[in-house]
């Protein structure tokens, strides 16, 4: 998902605006990042990623993409929240691991 913000737009130079927009697009449509909501800002020469990612892999991918593309220090401010559409399939006759309880 792509989220664009005008934060710091009055202070940003054109190169930083272009970098932010390009990274925003890469992170919105990158493989494994489609379910993530990542905002990009550039402050004091650093790229700041904020928002939510769906897994640790997505967290690491977002940081790697931002570092490689920008060549700048990346500051991640990302929450890892698994997708709500995660599906647990339990074969017939098997105990559901979410429903098991242990008795003393």
Protein backbone atom coordinates (compact mmCIF):
# COMPACT_ATOMS: atom_id res chain seq x y z
CA UNK A 1 0.00 0.00 0.00
CA UNK A 2 1.34 3.41 -0.89
CA UNK A 3 0.97 6.32 1.50
CA UNK A 4 2.25 9.75 0.57
CA UNK A 5 2.65 12.54 3.07
CA UNK A 6 3.56 16.16 2.55
CA UNK A 7 5.53 16.22 5.79
CA UNK A 8 8.46 18.62 5.63
CA UNK A 9 7.59 19.49 2.03
CA UNK A 10 8.31 23.16 2.63
CA UNK A 11 11.83 22.40 3.87
CA UNK A 12 12.74 19.61 1.45
CA UNK A 13 14.86 20.14 -1.58
CA UNK A 14 13.85 18.63 -4.93
CA UNK A 15 16.42 15.80 -4.71
CA UNK A 16 15.04 14.69 -1.34
CA UNK A 17 11.46 14.88 -2.63
CA UNK A 18 12.42 12.72 -5.62
CA UNK A 19 14.26 10.23 -3.41
CA UNK A 20 11.29 10.00 -1.04
CA UNK A 21 8.81 9.45 -3.89
CA UNK A 22 10.97 6.83 -5.60
CA UNK A 23 11.57 4.91 -2.37
CA UNK A 24 7.89 5.14 -1.49
CA UNK A 25 7.02 3.47 -4.80
CA UNK A 26 9.70 0.79 -4.48
CA UNK A 27 8.56 -0.09 -0.97
CA UNK A 28 4.86 -0.03 -1.87
CA UNK A 29 5.17 -2.49 -4.73
CA UNK A 30 8.28 -4.50 -3.85
CA UNK A 31 8.03 -8.27 -3.61
CA UNK A 32 7.00 -9.25 -0.10
CA UNK A 33 6.11 -5.67 0.81
CA UNK A 34 2.67 -5.43 -0.79
CA UNK A 35 0.80 -5.85 2.51
CA UNK A 36 2.96 -3.26 4.29
CA UNK A 37 2.23 0.40 4.96
CA UNK A 38 5.55 2.21 4.92
CA UNK A 39 6.02 5.97 4.94
CA UNK A 40 9.34 7.44 3.80
CA UNK A 41 10.79 10.73 4.97
CA UNK A 42 14.23 12.27 4.58
CA UNK A 43 15.59 14.26 7.49
CA UNK A 44 19.15 15.47 8.10
CA UNK A 45 20.37 13.34 5.19
CA UNK A 46 18.89 10.13 6.66
CA UNK A 47 16.05 8.06 5.29
CA UNK A 48 13.40 7.34 7.90
CA UNK A 49 10.97 4.46 7.39
CA UNK A 50 7.84 4.47 9.53
CA UNK A 51 4.65 2.46 9.51
CA UNK A 52 3.85 -1.24 9.63
CA UNK A 53 5.29 -4.35 8.00
CA UNK A 54 3.82 -7.84 8.00
CA UNK A 55 6.89 -9.85 9.04
CA UNK A 56 10.53 -9.75 10.06
CA UNK A 57 11.44 -10.61 6.45
CA UNK A 58 9.47 -7.59 5.22
CA UNK A 59 11.19 -5.42 7.86
CA UNK A 60 14.64 -6.52 6.69
CA UNK A 61 13.70 -6.21 3.01
CA UNK A 62 12.41 -2.65 3.45
CA UNK A 63 15.61 -1.58 5.17
CA UNK A 64 17.84 -3.27 2.57
CA UNK A 65 15.93 -1.71 -0.35
CA UNK A 66 16.13 1.76 1.22
CA UNK A 67 19.85 1.42 2.00
CA UNK A 68 20.83 0.13 -1.43
CA UNK A 69 18.64 2.56 -3.37
CA UNK A 70 19.43 5.68 -1.36
CA UNK A 71 23.04 5.04 -0.31
CA UNK A 72 22.14 6.77 2.96
CA UNK A 73 21.70 5.80 6.58
CA UNK A 74 18.26 4.29 7.14
CA UNK A 75 16.42 4.71 10.42
CA UNK A 76 13.63 2.13 10.77
CA UNK A 77 10.62 3.07 12.87
CA UNK A 78 8.51 0.13 11.73
CA UNK A 79 6.09 -2.02 13.71
CA UNK A 80 5.88 -5.69 12.77
CA UNK A 81 2.22 -6.70 12.66
CA UNK A 82 1.38 -10.03 11.01
CA UNK A 83 -1.29 -9.87 8.36
CA UNK A 84 -4.83 -10.40 9.62
CA UNK A 85 -5.47 -12.68 6.70
CA UNK A 86 -3.06 -15.34 7.95
CA UNK A 87 -4.78 -18.68 7.58
CA UNK A 88 -4.07 -21.68 9.78
CA UNK A 89 -5.00 -24.98 8.14
CA UNK A 90 -5.50 -27.93 10.47
CA UNK A 91 -5.93 -31.37 8.85
CA UNK A 92 -9.07 -33.33 9.80
CA UNK A 93 -8.58 -35.23 13.05
CA UNK A 94 -5.54 -33.16 14.11
CA UNK A 95 -5.59 -31.06 17.24
CA UNK A 96 -5.66 -27.34 16.59
CA UNK A 97 -2.48 -25.89 18.12
CA UNK A 98 -4.38 -22.76 19.13
CA UNK A 99 -6.95 -24.74 21.07
CA UNK A 100 -4.69 -27.08 23.01
CA UNK A 101 -4.41 -26.68 26.73
CA UNK A 102 -2.16 -28.46 29.16
CA UNK A 103 -3.58 -29.89 32.35
CA UNK A 104 -1.44 -30.46 35.46
